[in-house]
């Protein structure tokens, strides 16, 4: 199960970060490919007013050339474009459903234009302070993978414990390790450490691959180590999610009704702004989203993440004590 989980998550991350293997751009076809794979903000720029006007005029000329009952109105709009901006025309024809639809479509379709490959590469390096796609890759990797694991890890904890019950190894291994409490800790680490190690290696490999792509293309790119963001933004929430999941499975094993509450807590962490009372819920949020905007690293943020690590071990310790007390 663990191997399948890692493969599925790895494939998902690779498909969500196409810039890892497609950047830097080398020809115009790469611009279209990047835009089609959800990275349009890296390869498109807002069109100038004159570009939108020129494209709109060409669009209206096509309507005139096609004939039909609306060609006179299209000709009228072409003439108006010589005297007014797109915005002025939208206000002028706001009550005309046909003309306003044409103008809205022109603005929507021609609002952005493709960058040249050199322009896209240069803009990306400037926006990321010379790190290229590495910064975007790390932010997406940590955010998406952390969000996926927060939901899956409770199932993984259940799998480990149910398998343990089937093979009835708890008493034997508890005896070999010296205590049942040590056995629970070993089982917890056996679930968690492979995940953290393998996903770190995968992220570091993708990060290095992206760096080498830029470096081998002759661009001046700086290497951004993967370990810093991984330890600060990925490890603490995963420790906390796994400890809470383990608490449910170890201490509350007969109360599966707690799982929906766990799922709700995951939702609160991943999208706290979607719920009422956002300020209150932020007190329980240790998962930091990095995919929307760069998150400044400061002392209070580091302290919060460290608090999450401490809380995770406290929660697991409490779970073990409750379980041992119920079994005694």
C-alpha atoms as a PDB file:
ATOM      1  CA  UNK A   1       0.000   0.000   0.000  1.00  0.00           C
ATOM      2  CA  UNK A   2       2.822   2.377   0.901  1.00  0.00           C
ATOM      3  CA  UNK A   3       4.517   1.816  -2.462  1.00  0.00           C
ATOM      4  CA  UNK A   4       1.254   2.454  -4.346  1.00  0.00           C
ATOM      5  CA  UNK A   5       0.689   5.647  -2.342  1.00  0.00           C
ATOM      6  CA  UNK A   6       4.155   6.950  -3.173  1.00  0.00           C
ATOM      7  CA  UNK A   7       3.769   6.142  -6.881  1.00  0.00           C
ATOM      8  CA  UNK A   8       0.349   7.823  -7.137  1.00  0.00           C
ATOM      9  CA  UNK A   9       1.531  10.940  -5.283  1.00  0.00           C
ATOM     10  CA  UNK A  10       4.718  11.084  -7.350  1.00  0.00           C
ATOM     11  CA  UNK A  11       2.830  10.891 -10.650  1.00  0.00           C
ATOM     12  CA  UNK A  12       0.400  13.577  -9.480  1.00  0.00           C
ATOM     13  CA  UNK A  13       3.201  15.965  -8.484  1.00  0.00           C
ATOM     14  CA  UNK A  14       5.050  15.505 -11.777  1.00  0.00           C
ATOM     15  CA  UNK A  15       1.894  16.255 -13.773  1.00  0.00           C
ATOM     16  CA  UNK A  16       1.156  19.356 -11.670  1.00  0.00           C
ATOM     17  CA  UNK A  17       4.645  20.832 -12.141  1.00  0.00           C
ATOM     18  CA  UNK A  18       5.255  20.649 -15.917  1.00  0.00           C
ATOM     19  CA  UNK A  19       7.806  23.447 -15.776  1.00  0.00           C
ATOM     20  CA  UNK A  20      10.226  21.001 -14.165  1.00  0.00           C
ATOM     21  CA  UNK A  21      10.865  19.293 -17.488  1.00  0.00           C
ATOM     22  CA  UNK A  22       9.603  21.955 -19.950  1.00  0.00           C
ATOM     23  CA  UNK A  23      11.523  25.010 -18.749  1.00  0.00           C
ATOM     24  CA  UNK A  24      13.507  26.905 -19.807  1.00  0.00           C
ATOM     25  CA  UNK A  25      11.678  27.441 -23.090  1.00  0.00           C
ATOM     26  CA  UNK A  26      13.618  26.891 -26.282  1.00  0.00           C
ATOM     27  CA  UNK A  27      11.025  27.547 -29.007  1.00  0.00           C
ATOM     28  CA  UNK A  28       7.520  29.060 -29.395  1.00  0.00           C
ATOM     29  CA  UNK A  29       5.835  25.647 -29.296  1.00  0.00           C
ATOM     30  CA  UNK A  30       6.843  25.419 -25.645  1.00  0.00           C
ATOM     31  CA  UNK A  31       4.785  28.536 -24.886  1.00  0.00           C
ATOM     32  CA  UNK A  32       1.588  26.903 -26.099  1.00  0.00           C
ATOM     33  CA  UNK A  33       2.413  23.653 -24.306  1.00  0.00           C
ATOM     34  CA  UNK A  34       3.040  25.422 -20.993  1.00  0.00           C
ATOM     35  CA  UNK A  35      -0.186  27.423 -21.307  1.00  0.00           C
ATOM     36  CA  UNK A  36      -2.179  24.264 -21.982  1.00  0.00           C
ATOM     37  CA  UNK A  37      -0.728  22.560 -18.891  1.00  0.00           C
ATOM     38  CA  UNK A  38      -1.819  25.221 -16.419  1.00  0.00           C
ATOM     39  CA  UNK A  39       1.302  27.392 -16.335  1.00  0.00           C
ATOM     40  CA  UNK A  40      -0.107  30.222 -18.448  1.00  0.00           C
ATOM     41  CA  UNK A  41       1.028  32.911 -15.995  1.00  0.00           C
ATOM     42  CA  UNK A  42       4.646  32.048 -16.834  1.00  0.00           C
ATOM     43  CA  UNK A  43       4.331  32.342 -20.615  1.00  0.00           C
ATOM     44  CA  UNK A  44       1.627  34.983 -21.196  1.00  0.00           C
ATOM     45  CA  UNK A  45       1.570  38.727 -20.554  1.00  0.00           C
ATOM     46  CA  UNK A  46      -1.175  41.304 -20.628  1.00  0.00           C
ATOM     47  CA  UNK A  47      -1.656  42.726 -24.099  1.00  0.00           C
ATOM     48  CA  UNK A  48      -1.246  46.422 -24.753  1.00  0.00           C
ATOM     49  CA  UNK A  49      -4.380  48.412 -25.586  1.00  0.00           C
ATOM     50  CA  UNK A  50      -3.351  48.725 -29.216  1.00  0.00           C
ATOM     51  CA  UNK A  51      -2.859  44.935 -29.453  1.00  0.00           C
ATOM     52  CA  UNK A  52      -6.390  44.332 -28.152  1.00  0.00           C
ATOM     53  CA  UNK A  53      -7.802  46.951 -30.544  1.00  0.00           C
ATOM     54  CA  UNK A  54      -5.978  45.452 -33.529  1.00  0.00           C
ATOM     55  CA  UNK A  55      -7.147  41.929 -32.670  1.00  0.00           C
ATOM     56  CA  UNK A  56     -10.711  43.154 -32.091  1.00  0.00           C
ATOM     57  CA  UNK A  57     -10.706  44.959 -35.424  1.00  0.00           C
ATOM     58  CA  UNK A  58      -9.548  41.784 -37.178  1.00  0.00           C
ATOM     59  CA  UNK A  59     -12.302  39.817 -35.424  1.00  0.00           C
ATOM     60  CA  UNK A  60     -14.954  42.320 -36.572  1.00  0.00           C
ATOM     61  CA  UNK A  61     -13.597  42.287 -40.137  1.00  0.00           C
ATOM     62  CA  UNK A  62     -14.171  38.525 -40.181  1.00  0.00           C
ATOM     63  CA  UNK A  63     -17.813  39.098 -39.212  1.00  0.00           C
ATOM     64  CA  UNK A  64     -18.202  41.638 -42.026  1.00  0.00           C
ATOM     65  CA  UNK A  65     -16.575  39.299 -44.537  1.00  0.00           C
ATOM     66  CA  UNK A  66     -18.928  36.487 -43.513  1.00  0.00           C
ATOM     67  CA  UNK A  67     -21.933  38.662 -44.363  1.00  0.00           C
ATOM     68  CA  UNK A  68     -25.223  38.222 -42.582  1.00  0.00           C
ATOM     69  CA  UNK A  69     -27.570  40.610 -40.782  1.00  0.00           C
ATOM     70  CA  UNK A  70     -24.959  41.790 -38.290  1.00  0.00           C
ATOM     71  CA  UNK A  71     -22.285  42.950 -40.736  1.00  0.00           C
ATOM     72  CA  UNK A  72     -23.456  46.599 -40.638  1.00  0.00           C
ATOM     73  CA  UNK A  73     -23.163  46.674 -36.875  1.00  0.00           C
ATOM     74  CA  UNK A  74     -19.700  45.136 -37.094  1.00  0.00           C
ATOM     75  CA  UNK A  75     -18.681  47.816 -39.634  1.00  0.00           C
ATOM     76  CA  UNK A  76     -19.996  50.484 -37.283  1.00  0.00           C
ATOM     77  CA  UNK A  77     -17.883  49.118 -34.447  1.00  0.00           C
ATOM     78  CA  UNK A  78     -14.793  49.074 -36.678  1.00  0.00           C
ATOM     79  CA  UNK A  79     -15.290  52.772 -37.362  1.00  0.00           C
ATOM     80  CA  UNK A  80     -15.823  53.460 -33.662  1.00  0.00           C
ATOM     81  CA  UNK A  81     -12.548  51.713 -32.832  1.00  0.00           C
ATOM     82  CA  UNK A  82     -10.737  54.498 -34.680  1.00  0.00           C
ATOM     83  CA  UNK A  83     -12.089  57.029 -32.191  1.00  0.00           C
ATOM     84  CA  UNK A  84     -12.660  55.175 -28.909  1.00  0.00           C
ATOM     85  CA  UNK A  85     -10.878  52.693 -26.668  1.00  0.00           C
ATOM     86  CA  UNK A  86     -12.302  49.251 -25.956  1.00  0.00           C
ATOM     87  CA  UNK A  87     -13.456  50.371 -22.520  1.00  0.00           C
ATOM     88  CA  UNK A  88     -15.246  53.410 -23.919  1.00  0.00           C
ATOM     89  CA  UNK A  89     -16.991  51.262 -26.531  1.00  0.00           C
ATOM     90  CA  UNK A  90     -18.113  48.774 -23.877  1.00  0.00           C
ATOM     91  CA  UNK A  91     -19.750  51.635 -21.969  1.00  0.00           C
ATOM     92  CA  UNK A  92     -21.242  53.090 -25.159  1.00  0.00           C
ATOM     93  CA  UNK A  93     -22.785  49.784 -26.296  1.00  0.00           C
ATOM     94  CA  UNK A  94     -23.649  48.433 -22.832  1.00  0.00           C
ATOM     95  CA  UNK A  95     -27.345  48.173 -23.758  1.00  0.00           C
ATOM     96  CA  UNK A  96     -26.676  46.428 -27.062  1.00  0.00           C
ATOM     97  CA  UNK A  97     -26.439  42.676 -26.301  1.00  0.00           C
ATOM     98  CA  UNK A  98     -24.791  41.739 -29.610  1.00  0.00           C
ATOM     99  CA  UNK A  99     -22.165  44.488 -29.664  1.00  0.00           C
ATOM    100  CA  UNK A 100     -21.409  44.163 -25.940  1.00  0.00           C
ATOM    101  CA  UNK A 101     -20.959  40.391 -26.373  1.00  0.00           C
ATOM    102  CA  UNK A 102     -18.520  40.949 -29.245  1.00  0.00           C
ATOM    103  CA  UNK A 103     -16.517  43.478 -27.257  1.00  0.00           C
ATOM    104  CA  UNK A 104     -16.477  41.322 -24.124  1.00  0.00           C
ATOM    105  CA  UNK A 105     -15.322  38.364 -26.193  1.00  0.00           C
ATOM    106  CA  UNK A 106     -12.577  40.450 -27.802  1.00  0.00           C
ATOM    107  CA  UNK A 107     -11.284  41.601 -24.413  1.00  0.00           C
ATOM    108  CA  UNK A 108     -11.423  38.059 -23.015  1.00  0.00           C
ATOM    109  CA  UNK A 109      -9.785  36.368 -26.008  1.00  0.00           C
ATOM    110  CA  UNK A 110      -7.115  38.956 -26.713  1.00  0.00           C
ATOM    111  CA  UNK A 111      -6.353  40.202 -23.190  1.00  0.00           C
ATOM    112  CA  UNK A 112      -3.146  38.173 -23.068  1.00  0.00           C
ATOM    113  CA  UNK A 113      -0.444  37.554 -25.640  1.00  0.00           C
ATOM    114  CA  UNK A 114       2.298  34.965 -25.710  1.00  0.00           C
ATOM    115  CA  UNK A 115       5.784  35.879 -24.575  1.00  0.00           C
ATOM    116  CA  UNK A 116       8.772  34.896 -26.639  1.00  0.00           C
ATOM    117  CA  UNK A 117      10.797  32.035 -25.134  1.00  0.00           C
ATOM    118  CA  UNK A 118      13.653  34.389 -24.195  1.00  0.00           C
ATOM    119  CA  UNK A 119      11.209  36.851 -22.643  1.00  0.00           C
ATOM    120  CA  UNK A 120       9.480  34.104 -20.618  1.00  0.00           C
ATOM    121  CA  UNK A 121      12.791  32.715 -19.347  1.00  0.00           C
ATOM    122  CA  UNK A 122      14.112  36.141 -18.382  1.00  0.00           C
ATOM    123  CA  UNK A 123      10.872  37.131 -16.619  1.00  0.00           C
ATOM    124  CA  UNK A 124      10.839  33.887 -14.640  1.00  0.00           C
ATOM    125  CA  UNK A 125      14.418  34.345 -13.451  1.00  0.00           C
ATOM    126  CA  UNK A 126      13.697  37.934 -12.461  1.00  0.00           C
ATOM    127  CA  UNK A 127      10.491  37.044 -10.605  1.00  0.00           C
ATOM    128  CA  UNK A 128      12.207  34.255  -8.622  1.00  0.00           C
ATOM    129  CA  UNK A 129      15.421  36.163  -7.832  1.00  0.00           C
ATOM    130  CA  UNK A 130      17.444  33.972 -10.157  1.00  0.00           C
ATOM    131  CA  UNK A 131      16.150  30.568  -8.987  1.00  0.00           C
ATOM    132  CA  UNK A 132      14.104  29.821 -12.099  1.00  0.00           C
ATOM    133  CA  UNK A 133      11.407  27.190 -11.750  1.00  0.00           C
ATOM    134  CA  UNK A 134      12.917  25.720  -8.569  1.00  0.00           C
ATOM    135  CA  UNK A 135      11.028  28.134  -6.317  1.00  0.00           C
ATOM    136  CA  UNK A 136       7.680  27.421  -7.995  1.00  0.00           C
ATOM    137  CA  UNK A 137       8.370  23.689  -7.984  1.00  0.00           C
ATOM    138  CA  UNK A 138       9.152  23.618  -4.266  1.00  0.00           C
ATOM    139  CA  UNK A 139       6.096  25.671  -3.354  1.00  0.00           C
ATOM    140  CA  UNK A 140       3.734  23.516  -5.415  1.00  0.00           C
ATOM    141  CA  UNK A 141       5.376  20.246  -4.380  1.00  0.00           C
ATOM    142  CA  UNK A 142       5.135  20.970  -0.662  1.00  0.00           C
ATOM    143  CA  UNK A 143       1.607  22.400  -0.835  1.00  0.00           C
ATOM    144  CA  UNK A 144       0.003  19.774  -3.070  1.00  0.00           C
ATOM    145  CA  UNK A 145       1.741  16.786  -1.538  1.00  0.00           C
ATOM    146  CA  UNK A 146       1.043  17.977   2.007  1.00  0.00           C
ATOM    147  CA  UNK A 147      -2.644  18.464   1.183  1.00  0.00           C
ATOM    148  CA  UNK A 148      -2.941  14.974  -0.324  1.00  0.00           C
ATOM    149  CA  UNK A 149      -1.170  13.248   2.560  1.00  0.00           C
ATOM    150  CA  UNK A 150      -3.223  15.055   5.193  1.00  0.00           C
ATOM    151  CA  UNK A 151      -6.302  13.150   3.980  1.00  0.00           C
ATOM    152  CA  UNK A 152      -4.614   9.862   3.109  1.00  0.00           C
ATOM    153  CA  UNK A 153      -2.505   9.400   6.209  1.00  0.00           C
ATOM    154  CA  UNK A 154      -5.448   8.459   8.439  1.00  0.00           C
ATOM    155  CA  UNK A 155      -6.148   5.551   6.078  1.00  0.00           C
ATOM    156  CA  UNK A 156      -2.484   4.605   6.182  1.00  0.00           C
ATOM    157  CA  UNK A 157      -2.560   4.570   9.987  1.00  0.00           C
ATOM    158  CA  UNK A 158      -5.639   2.341   9.888  1.00  0.00           C
ATOM    159  CA  UNK A 159      -3.915  -0.007   7.443  1.00  0.00           C
ATOM    160  CA  UNK A 160      -0.854  -0.383   9.686  1.00  0.00           C
ATOM    161  CA  UNK A 161      -2.905  -1.109  12.797  1.00  0.00           C
ATOM    162  CA  UNK A 162      -5.399  -3.440  11.122  1.00  0.00           C
ATOM    163  CA  UNK A 163      -2.537  -5.394   9.536  1.00  0.00           C
ATOM    164  CA  UNK A 164      -0.941  -5.595  12.962  1.00  0.00           C
ATOM    165  CA  UNK A 165      -4.172  -7.022  14.411  1.00  0.00           C
ATOM    166  CA  UNK A 166      -4.426  -9.623  11.645  1.00  0.00           C
ATOM    167  CA  UNK A 167      -0.926 -11.033  12.049  1.00  0.00           C
ATOM    168  CA  UNK A 168      -1.152 -10.620  15.846  1.00  0.00           C
ATOM    169  CA  UNK A 169       2.430  -9.415  16.118  1.00  0.00           C
ATOM    170  CA  UNK A 170       1.882  -6.808  18.832  1.00  0.00           C
ATOM    171  CA  UNK A 171       2.598  -9.023  21.825  1.00  0.00           C
ATOM    172  CA  UNK A 172       5.669 -10.604  20.265  1.00  0.00           C
ATOM    173  CA  UNK A 173       7.278  -7.341  19.145  1.00  0.00           C
ATOM    174  CA  UNK A 174       6.314  -5.574  22.356  1.00  0.00           C
ATOM    175  CA  UNK A 175       8.206  -8.250  24.258  1.00  0.00           C
ATOM    176  CA  UNK A 176      11.240  -7.952  21.980  1.00  0.00           C
ATOM    177  CA  UNK A 177      11.300  -4.139  22.243  1.00  0.00           C
ATOM    178  CA  UNK A 178      10.811  -4.123  25.998  1.00  0.00           C
ATOM    179  CA  UNK A 179       7.371  -2.529  26.205  1.00  0.00           C
ATOM    180  CA  UNK A 180       4.147  -2.035  24.299  1.00  0.00           C
ATOM    181  CA  UNK A 181       4.698   1.728  24.299  1.00  0.00           C
ATOM    182  CA  UNK A 182       7.991   1.317  22.450  1.00  0.00           C
ATOM    183  CA  UNK A 183       6.225  -0.904  19.978  1.00  0.00           C
ATOM    184  CA  UNK A 184       3.649   1.803  19.214  1.00  0.00           C
ATOM    185  CA  UNK A 185       6.441   4.332  18.673  1.00  0.00           C
ATOM    186  CA  UNK A 186       8.324   1.976  16.365  1.00  0.00           C
ATOM    187  CA  UNK A 187       5.163   1.311  14.404  1.00  0.00           C
ATOM    188  CA  UNK A 188       4.468   5.053  14.122  1.00  0.00           C
ATOM    189  CA  UNK A 189       7.990   5.758  12.873  1.00  0.00           C
ATOM    190  CA  UNK A 190       7.826   2.811  10.465  1.00  0.00           C
ATOM    191  CA  UNK A 191       4.812   4.466   8.865  1.00  0.00           C
ATOM    192  CA  UNK A 192       6.181   8.010   8.889  1.00  0.00           C
ATOM    193  CA  UNK A 193       9.936   7.917   8.224  1.00  0.00           C
ATOM    194  CA  UNK A 194       9.770   6.138   4.832  1.00  0.00           C
ATOM    195  CA  UNK A 195       7.210   8.708   3.642  1.00  0.00           C
ATOM    196  CA  UNK A 196       9.344  11.656   4.721  1.00  0.00           C
ATOM    197  CA  UNK A 197      12.559  10.178   3.328  1.00  0.00           C
ATOM    198  CA  UNK A 198      11.177   9.069  -0.050  1.00  0.00           C
ATOM    199  CA  UNK A 199       9.238  12.261  -0.709  1.00  0.00           C
ATOM    200  CA  UNK A 200      12.269  14.318   0.230  1.00  0.00           C
ATOM    201  CA  UNK A 201      14.441  12.390  -2.232  1.00  0.00           C
ATOM    202  CA  UNK A 202      11.818  12.762  -4.968  1.00  0.00           C
ATOM    203  CA  UNK A 203      11.479  16.509  -4.362  1.00  0.00           C
ATOM    204  CA  UNK A 204      15.237  17.028  -4.205  1.00  0.00           C
ATOM    205  CA  UNK A 205      15.690  15.079  -7.456  1.00  0.00           C
ATOM    206  CA  UNK A 206      13.037  17.136  -9.287  1.00  0.00           C
ATOM    207  CA  UNK A 207      14.541  20.333  -7.909  1.00  0.00           C
ATOM    208  CA  UNK A 208      18.043  19.386  -9.075  1.00  0.00           C
ATOM    209  CA  UNK A 209      16.687  18.373 -12.476  1.00  0.00           C
ATOM    210  CA  UNK A 210      15.043  21.786 -12.906  1.00  0.00           C
ATOM    211  CA  UNK A 211      18.228  23.571 -11.881  1.00  0.00           C
ATOM    212  CA  UNK A 212      20.332  21.572 -14.345  1.00  0.00           C
ATOM    213  CA  UNK A 213      17.870  22.298 -17.163  1.00  0.00           C
ATOM    214  CA  UNK A 214      18.405  26.034 -16.691  1.00  0.00           C
ATOM    215  CA  UNK A 215      22.130  25.771 -16.045  1.00  0.00           C
ATOM    216  CA  UNK A 216      22.773  23.576 -19.091  1.00  0.00           C
ATOM    217  CA  UNK A 217      20.838  26.052 -21.247  1.00  0.00           C
ATOM    218  CA  UNK A 218      23.434  28.715 -20.507  1.00  0.00           C
ATOM    219  CA  UNK A 219      21.172  30.789 -18.239  1.00  0.00           C
ATOM    220  CA  UNK A 220      22.473  32.322 -15.036  1.00  0.00           C
ATOM    221  CA  UNK A 221      20.506  30.415 -12.407  1.00  0.00           C
ATOM    222  CA  UNK A 222      21.174  29.942  -8.699  1.00  0.00           C
ATOM    223  CA  UNK A 223      20.646  26.626  -6.931  1.00  0.00           C
ATOM    224  CA  UNK A 224      17.891  26.677  -4.293  1.00  0.00           C
ATOM    225  CA  UNK A 225      18.343  23.835  -1.758  1.00  0.00           C
ATOM    226  CA  UNK A 226      15.213  21.781  -1.220  1.00  0.00           C
ATOM    227  CA  UNK A 227      15.899  20.824   2.380  1.00  0.00           C
ATOM    228  CA  UNK A 228      15.024  24.207   3.948  1.00  0.00           C
ATOM    229  CA  UNK A 229      11.450  24.507   2.728  1.00  0.00           C
ATOM    230  CA  UNK A 230      10.888  20.787   3.201  1.00  0.00           C
ATOM    231  CA  UNK A 231      11.848  20.867   6.871  1.00  0.00           C
ATOM    232  CA  UNK A 232      10.007  24.094   7.621  1.00  0.00           C
ATOM    233  CA  UNK A 233       6.789  23.722   5.654  1.00  0.00           C
ATOM    234  CA  UNK A 234       6.330  20.000   4.961  1.00  0.00           C
ATOM    235  CA  UNK A 235       7.632  17.997   7.911  1.00  0.00           C
ATOM    236  CA  UNK A 236       5.818  19.832  10.785  1.00  0.00           C
ATOM    237  CA  UNK A 237       2.271  19.553   9.360  1.00  0.00           C
ATOM    238  CA  UNK A 238       2.810  15.946   8.263  1.00  0.00           C
ATOM    239  CA  UNK A 239       4.022  15.070  11.766  1.00  0.00           C
ATOM    240  CA  UNK A 240       0.965  16.737  13.223  1.00  0.00           C
ATOM    241  CA  UNK A 241      -1.499  15.145  10.791  1.00  0.00           C
ATOM    242  CA  UNK A 242       0.014  11.702  11.341  1.00  0.00           C
ATOM    243  CA  UNK A 243      -0.023  12.084  15.138  1.00  0.00           C
ATOM    244  CA  UNK A 244      -3.691  13.052  15.144  1.00  0.00           C
ATOM    245  CA  UNK A 245      -4.457  10.156  12.778  1.00  0.00           C
ATOM    246  CA  UNK A 246      -2.517   7.786  15.027  1.00  0.00           C
ATOM    247  CA  UNK A 247      -4.365   9.160  18.065  1.00  0.00           C
ATOM    248  CA  UNK A 248      -7.684   8.273  16.435  1.00  0.00           C
ATOM    249  CA  UNK A 249      -6.505   4.780  15.538  1.00  0.00           C
ATOM    250  CA  UNK A 250      -4.612   3.972  18.749  1.00  0.00           C
ATOM    251  CA  UNK A 251      -6.618   5.702  21.471  1.00  0.00           C
ATOM    252  CA  UNK A 252     -10.060   5.833  19.820  1.00  0.00           C
ATOM    253  CA  UNK A 253      -9.970   2.726  17.702  1.00  0.00           C
ATOM    254  CA  UNK A 254     -13.550   1.786  18.517  1.00  0.00           C
ATOM    255  CA  UNK A 255     -14.807   5.276  17.638  1.00  0.00           C
ATOM    256  CA  UNK A 256     -14.490   5.626  13.876  1.00  0.00           C
ATOM    257  CA  UNK A 257     -16.977   8.503  14.071  1.00  0.00           C
ATOM    258  CA  UNK A 258     -13.965  10.697  14.852  1.00  0.00           C
ATOM    259  CA  UNK A 259     -12.660  10.307  11.284  1.00  0.00           C
ATOM    260  CA  UNK A 260     -15.130  12.858   9.815  1.00  0.00           C
ATOM    261  CA  UNK A 261     -13.906  15.327  12.449  1.00  0.00           C
ATOM    262  CA  UNK A 262     -10.350  14.610  11.340  1.00  0.00           C
ATOM    263  CA  UNK A 263     -11.306  15.263   7.704  1.00  0.00           C
ATOM    264  CA  UNK A 264     -12.952  18.537   8.757  1.00  0.00           C
ATOM    265  CA  UNK A 265      -9.776  19.522  10.599  1.00  0.00           C
ATOM    266  CA  UNK A 266      -7.767  18.809   7.427  1.00  0.00           C
ATOM    267  CA  UNK A 267     -10.115  21.047   5.431  1.00  0.00           C
ATOM    268  CA  UNK A 268      -9.735  23.805   8.022  1.00  0.00           C
ATOM    269  CA  UNK A 269      -5.950  23.575   7.711  1.00  0.00           C
ATOM    270  CA  UNK A 270      -5.863  23.554   3.915  1.00  0.00           C
ATOM    271  CA  UNK A 271      -8.586  26.145   3.240  1.00  0.00           C
ATOM    272  CA  UNK A 272      -9.194  28.088   6.473  1.00  0.00           C
ATOM    273  CA  UNK A 273     -10.512  31.104   4.561  1.00  0.00           C
ATOM    274  CA  UNK A 274     -13.396  29.003   3.223  1.00  0.00           C
ATOM    275  CA  UNK A 275     -14.951  28.752   6.669  1.00  0.00           C
ATOM    276  CA  UNK A 276     -16.583  31.347   8.870  1.00  0.00           C
ATOM    277  CA  UNK A 277     -14.534  32.589  11.804  1.00  0.00           C
ATOM    278  CA  UNK A 278     -11.275  32.488   9.884  1.00  0.00           C
ATOM    279  CA  UNK A 279      -9.288  34.215  12.628  1.00  0.00           C
ATOM    280  CA  UNK A 280     -10.364  31.646  15.188  1.00  0.00           C
ATOM    281  CA  UNK A 281      -9.585  28.691  12.930  1.00  0.00           C
ATOM    282  CA  UNK A 282      -6.137  30.086  12.133  1.00  0.00           C
ATOM    283  CA  UNK A 283      -5.184  29.185  15.708  1.00  0.00           C
ATOM    284  CA  UNK A 284      -5.390  25.522  14.650  1.00  0.00           C
ATOM    285  CA  UNK A 285      -3.682  25.874  11.260  1.00  0.00           C
ATOM    286  CA  UNK A 286      -0.133  24.564  10.915  1.00  0.00           C
ATOM    287  CA  UNK A 287      -0.383  23.820   7.191  1.00  0.00           C
ATOM    288  CA  UNK A 288       0.990  26.738   5.180  1.00  0.00           C
ATOM    289  CA  UNK A 289      -0.028  27.153   1.543  1.00  0.00           C
ATOM    290  CA  UNK A 290       2.896  28.203  -0.639  1.00  0.00           C
ATOM    291  CA  UNK A 291       1.273  27.902  -4.068  1.00  0.00           C
ATOM    292  CA  UNK A 292      -0.592  31.235  -4.039  1.00  0.00           C
ATOM    293  CA  UNK A 293       2.010  33.736  -2.835  1.00  0.00           C
ATOM    294  CA  UNK A 294       5.509  33.672  -1.418  1.00  0.00           C
ATOM    295  CA  UNK A 295       5.372  33.303   2.374  1.00  0.00           C
ATOM    296  CA  UNK A 296       7.989  35.410   4.219  1.00  0.00           C
ATOM    297  CA  UNK A 297      10.060  33.368   6.670  1.00  0.00           C
ATOM    298  CA  UNK A 298      10.344  35.060  10.054  1.00  0.00           C
ATOM    299  CA  UNK A 299      10.926  34.094  13.677  1.00  0.00           C
ATOM    300  CA  UNK A 300       7.243  33.742  14.602  1.00  0.00           C
ATOM    301  CA  UNK A 301       6.609  31.450  11.627  1.00  0.00           C
ATOM    302  CA  UNK A 302       9.520  29.206  12.596  1.00  0.00           C
ATOM    303  CA  UNK A 303       8.280  29.150  16.200  1.00  0.00           C
ATOM    304  CA  UNK A 304       4.795  28.155  15.035  1.00  0.00           C
ATOM    305  CA  UNK A 305       6.134  25.282  12.946  1.00  0.00           C
ATOM    306  CA  UNK A 306       8.320  24.076  15.814  1.00  0.00           C
ATOM    307  CA  UNK A 307       5.289  24.218  18.067  1.00  0.00           C
ATOM    308  CA  UNK A 308       3.540  21.912  15.604  1.00  0.00           C
ATOM    309  CA  UNK A 309       6.409  19.399  15.895  1.00  0.00           C
ATOM    310  CA  UNK A 310       6.256  19.474  19.700  1.00  0.00           C
ATOM    311  CA  UNK A 311       2.467  19.162  19.642  1.00  0.00           C
ATOM    312  CA  UNK A 312       2.659  16.128  17.355  1.00  0.00           C
ATOM    313  CA  UNK A 313       4.818  14.180  19.837  1.00  0.00           C
ATOM    314  CA  UNK A 314       2.667  15.273  22.771  1.00  0.00           C
ATOM    315  CA  UNK A 315      -0.460  14.046  20.972  1.00  0.00           C
ATOM    316  CA  UNK A 316       1.123  10.693  20.175  1.00  0.00           C
ATOM    317  CA  UNK A 317       2.376  10.283  23.730  1.00  0.00           C
ATOM    318  CA  UNK A 318      -1.136  10.949  25.060  1.00  0.00           C
ATOM    319  CA  UNK A 319      -2.538   8.416  22.575  1.00  0.00           C
ATOM    320  CA  UNK A 320      -0.111   5.754  23.791  1.00  0.00           C
ATOM    321  CA  UNK A 321      -0.945   6.414  27.439  1.00  0.00           C
ATOM    322  CA  UNK A 322      -4.686   6.157  26.778  1.00  0.00           C
ATOM    323  CA  UNK A 323      -4.265   2.906  24.852  1.00  0.00           C
ATOM    324  CA  UNK A 324      -2.028   1.336  27.488  1.00  0.00           C
ATOM    325  CA  UNK A 325      -4.437   2.339  30.229  1.00  0.00           C
ATOM    326  CA  UNK A 326      -7.398   0.755  28.433  1.00  0.00           C
ATOM    327  CA  UNK A 327      -5.448  -2.463  27.835  1.00  0.00           C
ATOM    328  CA  UNK A 328      -4.165  -2.772  31.400  1.00  0.00           C
END
